[in-house]
């Protein structure tokens, strides 16, 4: 058994997915007034759920990758742009909170390991 378990690998991948999603949302906001621009999003939650649900979760988590998917199914404006700034701002806030929560959990797990190894006191 390695030092980092499946949960730690999942946390690391979730952080990676949330960071990529943050960049996609920021790009959507930056292009809110660009004619023909189509918004993108990263659905890392379903990929993580699938990896955790598999019998070889640790291996699947190690090899997991995420990518932004463009939403071409909608067009909210006449110029072809489908960015709704209110939705994007809500997504940005939600994703930021999730990222901060993941950081807090990861930091707590590292502190527990340091305490267990005797390199840090409680």
N, C-alpha and C. Protein backbone atom coordinates (compact mmCIF):
# COMPACT_ATOMS: atom_id res chain seq x y z
N UNK A 1 0.84 -1.18 0.00
CA UNK A 1 0.00 0.00 0.00
C UNK A 1 0.89 1.25 0.00
N UNK A 2 0.55 2.19 -0.82
CA UNK A 2 1.32 3.42 -0.92
C UNK A 2 0.93 4.41 0.15
N UNK A 3 1.70 5.46 0.23
CA UNK A 3 1.44 6.51 1.20
C UNK A 3 0.14 7.24 0.90
N UNK A 4 -0.15 7.41 -0.38
CA UNK A 4 -1.35 8.13 -0.76
C UNK A 4 -2.41 7.16 -1.24
N UNK A 5 -3.56 7.18 -0.59
CA UNK A 5 -4.63 6.25 -0.89
C UNK A 5 -5.52 6.78 -2.01
N UNK A 6 -6.55 6.02 -2.29
CA UNK A 6 -7.49 6.37 -3.35
C UNK A 6 -8.16 7.71 -3.10
N UNK A 7 -8.46 8.01 -1.85
CA UNK A 7 -9.09 9.28 -1.52
C UNK A 7 -8.17 10.45 -1.87
N UNK A 8 -6.90 10.32 -1.57
CA UNK A 8 -5.95 11.40 -1.89
C UNK A 8 -5.82 11.58 -3.40
N UNK A 9 -5.78 10.48 -4.12
CA UNK A 9 -5.72 10.58 -5.58
C UNK A 9 -6.97 11.25 -6.13
N UNK A 10 -8.11 10.91 -5.54
CA UNK A 10 -9.36 11.54 -5.95
C UNK A 10 -9.38 13.03 -5.67
N UNK A 11 -8.85 13.42 -4.52
CA UNK A 11 -8.76 14.84 -4.19
C UNK A 11 -7.87 15.58 -5.17
N UNK A 12 -6.74 14.99 -5.50
CA UNK A 12 -5.83 15.62 -6.45
C UNK A 12 -6.48 15.78 -7.82
N UNK A 13 -7.18 14.75 -8.26
CA UNK A 13 -7.85 14.82 -9.56
C UNK A 13 -9.00 15.82 -9.53
N UNK A 14 -9.73 15.87 -8.42
CA UNK A 14 -10.82 16.83 -8.29
C UNK A 14 -10.28 18.26 -8.34
N UNK A 15 -9.14 18.50 -7.70
CA UNK A 15 -8.51 19.82 -7.76
C UNK A 15 -8.11 20.17 -9.20
N UNK A 16 -7.59 19.20 -9.89
CA UNK A 16 -7.21 19.41 -11.29
C UNK A 16 -8.42 19.73 -12.15
N UNK A 17 -9.50 18.98 -11.95
CA UNK A 17 -10.74 19.21 -12.69
C UNK A 17 -11.36 20.56 -12.38
N UNK A 18 -11.36 20.94 -11.11
CA UNK A 18 -11.92 22.23 -10.71
C UNK A 18 -11.10 23.38 -11.27
N UNK A 19 -9.78 23.22 -11.32
CA UNK A 19 -8.92 24.27 -11.89
C UNK A 19 -9.19 24.43 -13.39
N UNK A 20 -9.33 23.31 -14.09
CA UNK A 20 -9.63 23.37 -15.52
C UNK A 20 -11.01 23.99 -15.75
N UNK A 21 -11.97 23.64 -14.91
CA UNK A 21 -13.31 24.22 -15.04
C UNK A 21 -13.27 25.73 -14.79
N UNK A 22 -12.47 26.15 -13.83
CA UNK A 22 -12.34 27.58 -13.54
C UNK A 22 -11.82 28.34 -14.77
N UNK A 23 -10.84 27.76 -15.44
CA UNK A 23 -10.30 28.39 -16.65
C UNK A 23 -11.36 28.46 -17.76
N UNK A 24 -12.15 27.40 -17.91
CA UNK A 24 -13.20 27.38 -18.94
C UNK A 24 -14.26 28.44 -18.65
N UNK A 25 -14.66 28.55 -17.39
CA UNK A 25 -15.67 29.54 -17.02
C UNK A 25 -15.13 30.95 -17.22
N UNK A 26 -13.88 31.18 -16.82
CA UNK A 26 -13.27 32.50 -17.01
C UNK A 26 -13.21 32.86 -18.49
N UNK A 27 -12.91 31.88 -19.33
CA UNK A 27 -12.88 32.11 -20.77
C UNK A 27 -14.28 32.44 -21.29
N UNK A 28 -15.30 31.77 -20.76
CA UNK A 28 -16.68 32.08 -21.15
C UNK A 28 -17.02 33.53 -20.81
N UNK A 29 -16.66 33.94 -19.61
CA UNK A 29 -16.96 35.31 -19.16
C UNK A 29 -16.21 36.32 -20.02
N UNK A 30 -14.95 36.02 -20.32
CA UNK A 30 -14.15 36.93 -21.13
C UNK A 30 -14.72 37.10 -22.54
N UNK A 31 -15.42 36.08 -23.03
CA UNK A 31 -15.96 36.12 -24.39
C UNK A 31 -17.47 36.30 -24.42
N UNK A 32 -18.03 36.84 -23.35
CA UNK A 32 -19.48 37.02 -23.27
C UNK A 32 -20.02 37.92 -24.37
N UNK A 33 -19.21 38.80 -24.92
CA UNK A 33 -19.67 39.72 -25.97
C UNK A 33 -19.06 39.41 -27.33
N UNK A 34 -18.48 38.23 -27.48
CA UNK A 34 -17.88 37.84 -28.75
C UNK A 34 -18.92 37.13 -29.61
N UNK A 35 -19.20 37.68 -30.75
CA UNK A 35 -20.19 37.09 -31.65
C UNK A 35 -19.77 35.68 -32.06
N UNK A 36 -20.71 34.75 -32.00
CA UNK A 36 -20.46 33.38 -32.42
C UNK A 36 -19.75 32.51 -31.40
N UNK A 37 -19.36 33.08 -30.27
CA UNK A 37 -18.64 32.30 -29.26
C UNK A 37 -19.59 31.30 -28.60
N UNK A 38 -19.12 30.08 -28.40
CA UNK A 38 -19.88 29.04 -27.71
C UNK A 38 -19.19 28.71 -26.40
N UNK A 39 -19.97 28.70 -25.33
CA UNK A 39 -19.44 28.45 -24.01
C UNK A 39 -18.90 27.02 -23.89
N UNK A 40 -18.00 26.83 -22.94
CA UNK A 40 -17.43 25.52 -22.64
C UNK A 40 -17.58 25.24 -21.15
N UNK A 41 -17.55 23.97 -20.81
CA UNK A 41 -17.59 23.58 -19.40
C UNK A 41 -16.84 22.26 -19.26
N UNK A 42 -16.45 21.96 -18.04
CA UNK A 42 -15.72 20.73 -17.73
C UNK A 42 -16.55 19.95 -16.72
N UNK A 43 -16.98 18.75 -17.12
CA UNK A 43 -17.75 17.89 -16.22
C UNK A 43 -16.81 16.85 -15.61
N UNK A 44 -16.07 17.28 -14.59
CA UNK A 44 -15.14 16.36 -13.96
C UNK A 44 -15.81 15.50 -12.90
N UNK A 45 -16.99 15.91 -12.44
CA UNK A 45 -17.69 15.16 -11.40
C UNK A 45 -18.08 13.76 -11.88
N UNK A 46 -18.64 13.67 -13.07
CA UNK A 46 -19.07 12.36 -13.56
C UNK A 46 -17.88 11.45 -13.85
N UNK A 47 -16.77 12.01 -14.31
CA UNK A 47 -15.57 11.21 -14.55
C UNK A 47 -15.02 10.67 -13.22
N UNK A 48 -15.02 11.50 -12.19
CA UNK A 48 -14.56 11.04 -10.87
C UNK A 48 -15.49 9.98 -10.30
N UNK A 49 -16.79 10.20 -10.46
CA UNK A 49 -17.77 9.24 -9.95
C UNK A 49 -17.59 7.88 -10.64
N UNK A 50 -17.37 7.91 -11.92
CA UNK A 50 -17.15 6.67 -12.66
C UNK A 50 -15.88 5.97 -12.21
N UNK A 51 -14.82 6.74 -12.02
CA UNK A 51 -13.54 6.15 -11.58
C UNK A 51 -13.66 5.54 -10.19
N UNK A 52 -14.31 6.25 -9.27
CA UNK A 52 -14.48 5.72 -7.91
C UNK A 52 -15.38 4.49 -7.89
N UNK A 53 -16.29 4.39 -8.83
CA UNK A 53 -17.21 3.25 -8.88
C UNK A 53 -16.65 2.02 -9.54
N UNK A 54 -15.46 2.10 -10.10
CA UNK A 54 -14.89 0.95 -10.79
C UNK A 54 -14.09 0.09 -9.81
N UNK A 55 -13.92 -1.19 -10.14
CA UNK A 55 -13.16 -2.08 -9.26
C UNK A 55 -11.68 -1.69 -9.14
N UNK A 56 -11.13 -1.08 -10.17
CA UNK A 56 -9.73 -0.65 -10.13
C UNK A 56 -9.66 0.88 -10.02
N UNK A 57 -10.31 1.40 -8.99
CA UNK A 57 -10.45 2.85 -8.81
C UNK A 57 -9.11 3.57 -8.78
N UNK A 58 -8.15 3.03 -8.07
CA UNK A 58 -6.86 3.71 -7.95
C UNK A 58 -6.19 3.86 -9.32
N UNK A 59 -6.21 2.82 -10.10
CA UNK A 59 -5.61 2.87 -11.43
C UNK A 59 -6.36 3.84 -12.33
N UNK A 60 -7.69 3.81 -12.28
CA UNK A 60 -8.49 4.72 -13.10
C UNK A 60 -8.26 6.17 -12.71
N UNK A 61 -8.13 6.42 -11.41
CA UNK A 61 -7.90 7.79 -10.95
C UNK A 61 -6.54 8.30 -11.41
N UNK A 62 -5.53 7.45 -11.38
CA UNK A 62 -4.19 7.86 -11.81
C UNK A 62 -4.18 8.28 -13.28
N UNK A 63 -5.00 7.63 -14.08
CA UNK A 63 -5.00 7.87 -15.53
C UNK A 63 -6.13 8.78 -15.99
N UNK A 64 -6.81 9.39 -15.07
CA UNK A 64 -7.96 10.23 -15.41
C UNK A 64 -7.51 11.56 -15.99
N UNK A 65 -8.21 12.01 -17.01
CA UNK A 65 -7.94 13.34 -17.57
C UNK A 65 -9.27 14.00 -17.91
N UNK A 66 -9.26 15.31 -17.90
CA UNK A 66 -10.47 16.08 -18.16
C UNK A 66 -10.23 17.02 -19.33
N UNK A 67 -11.31 17.37 -19.98
CA UNK A 67 -11.20 18.36 -21.05
C UNK A 67 -12.48 19.18 -21.11
N UNK A 68 -12.34 20.39 -21.59
CA UNK A 68 -13.50 21.27 -21.73
C UNK A 68 -14.32 20.83 -22.94
N UNK A 69 -15.62 20.82 -22.76
CA UNK A 69 -16.55 20.46 -23.83
C UNK A 69 -17.34 21.69 -24.23
N UNK A 70 -17.40 21.95 -25.51
CA UNK A 70 -18.12 23.11 -26.01
C UNK A 70 -19.61 22.80 -26.10
N UNK A 71 -20.44 23.77 -25.69
CA UNK A 71 -21.89 23.64 -25.75
C UNK A 71 -22.38 24.27 -27.05
N UNK A 72 -22.64 23.44 -28.03
CA UNK A 72 -23.11 23.94 -29.32
C UNK A 72 -24.61 23.76 -29.50
N UNK A 73 -25.27 23.25 -28.48
CA UNK A 73 -26.69 22.94 -28.61
C UNK A 73 -27.60 24.15 -28.37
N UNK A 74 -27.07 25.20 -27.79
CA UNK A 74 -27.90 26.36 -27.49
C UNK A 74 -27.33 27.62 -28.13
N UNK A 75 -28.20 28.58 -28.32
CA UNK A 75 -27.78 29.90 -28.79
C UNK A 75 -28.76 30.91 -28.20
N UNK A 76 -28.30 31.66 -27.22
CA UNK A 76 -29.21 32.54 -26.50
C UNK A 76 -29.33 33.92 -27.12
N UNK A 77 -28.46 34.24 -28.08
CA UNK A 77 -28.52 35.56 -28.69
C UNK A 77 -28.52 35.44 -30.21
N UNK A 78 -28.93 36.49 -30.86
CA UNK A 78 -28.99 36.51 -32.31
C UNK A 78 -27.62 36.40 -32.96
N UNK A 79 -26.57 36.86 -32.26
CA UNK A 79 -25.22 36.81 -32.84
C UNK A 79 -24.56 35.44 -32.69
N UNK A 80 -25.29 34.44 -32.15
CA UNK A 80 -24.77 33.09 -32.03
C UNK A 80 -24.06 32.79 -30.73
N UNK A 81 -23.82 33.79 -29.91
CA UNK A 81 -23.16 33.59 -28.62
C UNK A 81 -24.17 32.96 -27.66
N UNK A 82 -23.72 31.99 -26.87
CA UNK A 82 -24.61 31.34 -25.92
C UNK A 82 -24.17 31.50 -24.46
N UNK A 83 -23.40 32.53 -24.18
CA UNK A 83 -22.94 32.78 -22.81
C UNK A 83 -23.98 33.62 -22.07
N UNK A 84 -24.47 33.08 -20.97
CA UNK A 84 -25.35 33.84 -20.07
C UNK A 84 -24.47 34.26 -18.90
N UNK A 85 -24.17 35.54 -18.80
CA UNK A 85 -23.21 36.03 -17.81
C UNK A 85 -23.65 35.72 -16.38
N UNK A 86 -24.95 35.76 -16.10
CA UNK A 86 -25.42 35.44 -14.75
C UNK A 86 -25.16 33.97 -14.40
N UNK A 87 -25.41 33.09 -15.35
CA UNK A 87 -25.15 31.66 -15.12
C UNK A 87 -23.66 31.41 -14.93
N UNK A 88 -22.86 32.06 -15.76
CA UNK A 88 -21.40 31.87 -15.65
C UNK A 88 -20.86 32.39 -14.32
N UNK A 89 -21.36 33.53 -13.86
CA UNK A 89 -20.92 34.06 -12.57
C UNK A 89 -21.32 33.12 -11.43
N UNK A 90 -22.52 32.55 -11.52
CA UNK A 90 -22.95 31.58 -10.50
C UNK A 90 -22.06 30.33 -10.55
N UNK A 91 -21.75 29.86 -11.76
CA UNK A 91 -20.86 28.71 -11.91
C UNK A 91 -19.46 29.00 -11.36
N UNK A 92 -18.99 30.22 -11.60
CA UNK A 92 -17.68 30.63 -11.11
C UNK A 92 -17.64 30.61 -9.58
N UNK A 93 -18.68 31.15 -8.95
CA UNK A 93 -18.75 31.16 -7.49
C UNK A 93 -18.82 29.75 -6.93
N UNK A 94 -19.66 28.92 -7.51
CA UNK A 94 -19.82 27.54 -7.05
C UNK A 94 -18.50 26.78 -7.19
N UNK A 95 -17.85 26.92 -8.32
CA UNK A 95 -16.59 26.21 -8.56
C UNK A 95 -15.49 26.70 -7.63
N UNK A 96 -15.45 28.00 -7.37
CA UNK A 96 -14.45 28.56 -6.45
C UNK A 96 -14.62 28.00 -5.05
N UNK A 97 -15.87 27.92 -4.59
CA UNK A 97 -16.13 27.35 -3.27
C UNK A 97 -15.74 25.88 -3.21
N UNK A 98 -16.04 25.16 -4.28
CA UNK A 98 -15.67 23.75 -4.31
C UNK A 98 -14.15 23.58 -4.28
N UNK A 99 -13.43 24.39 -5.05
CA UNK A 99 -11.98 24.31 -5.08
C UNK A 99 -11.39 24.60 -3.69
N UNK A 100 -11.89 25.65 -3.05
CA UNK A 100 -11.41 25.99 -1.71
C UNK A 100 -11.70 24.87 -0.71
N UNK A 101 -12.85 24.23 -0.83
CA UNK A 101 -13.19 23.10 0.04
C UNK A 101 -12.23 21.93 -0.18
N UNK A 102 -11.93 21.65 -1.43
CA UNK A 102 -11.00 20.57 -1.74
C UNK A 102 -9.60 20.87 -1.19
N UNK A 103 -9.17 22.11 -1.28
CA UNK A 103 -7.87 22.52 -0.73
C UNK A 103 -7.85 22.31 0.79
N UNK A 104 -8.92 22.72 1.45
CA UNK A 104 -9.01 22.58 2.91
C UNK A 104 -8.95 21.11 3.32
N UNK A 105 -9.68 20.26 2.63
CA UNK A 105 -9.69 18.83 2.94
C UNK A 105 -8.31 18.23 2.69
N UNK A 106 -7.70 18.58 1.59
CA UNK A 106 -6.37 18.06 1.26
C UNK A 106 -5.34 18.50 2.29
N UNK A 107 -5.40 19.76 2.68
CA UNK A 107 -4.47 20.28 3.68
C UNK A 107 -4.65 19.54 5.02
N UNK A 108 -5.89 19.29 5.41
CA UNK A 108 -6.16 18.58 6.67
C UNK A 108 -5.61 17.16 6.62
N UNK A 109 -5.76 16.51 5.49
CA UNK A 109 -5.23 15.14 5.35
C UNK A 109 -3.70 15.14 5.45
N UNK A 110 -3.06 16.13 4.86
CA UNK A 110 -1.60 16.21 4.94
C UNK A 110 -1.15 16.47 6.38
N UNK A 111 -1.87 17.32 7.08
CA UNK A 111 -1.54 17.59 8.48
C UNK A 111 -1.69 16.34 9.33
N UNK A 112 -2.72 15.53 9.06
CA UNK A 112 -2.90 14.27 9.79
C UNK A 112 -1.72 13.33 9.54
N UNK A 113 -1.24 13.27 8.30
CA UNK A 113 -0.08 12.44 8.00
C UNK A 113 1.16 12.94 8.72
N UNK A 114 1.34 14.25 8.76
CA UNK A 114 2.50 14.82 9.46
C UNK A 114 2.44 14.50 10.95
N UNK A 115 1.27 14.59 11.54
CA UNK A 115 1.10 14.25 12.95
C UNK A 115 1.41 12.77 13.19
N UNK A 116 0.91 11.92 12.30
CA UNK A 116 1.14 10.47 12.42
C UNK A 116 2.63 10.14 12.29
N UNK A 117 3.34 10.89 11.46
CA UNK A 117 4.77 10.64 11.27
C UNK A 117 5.61 11.29 12.37
N UNK A 118 5.00 12.12 13.19
CA UNK A 118 5.71 12.78 14.28
C UNK A 118 6.47 14.01 13.84
N UNK A 119 6.20 14.52 12.65
CA UNK A 119 6.90 15.71 12.18
C UNK A 119 6.12 16.99 12.48
N UNK A 120 4.96 16.83 13.07
CA UNK A 120 4.11 17.97 13.42
C UNK A 120 3.32 17.60 14.67
N UNK A 121 3.11 18.58 15.52
CA UNK A 121 2.32 18.33 16.72
C UNK A 121 0.89 18.80 16.49
N UNK A 122 -0.02 18.20 17.19
CA UNK A 122 -1.44 18.55 17.06
C UNK A 122 -1.72 19.86 17.62
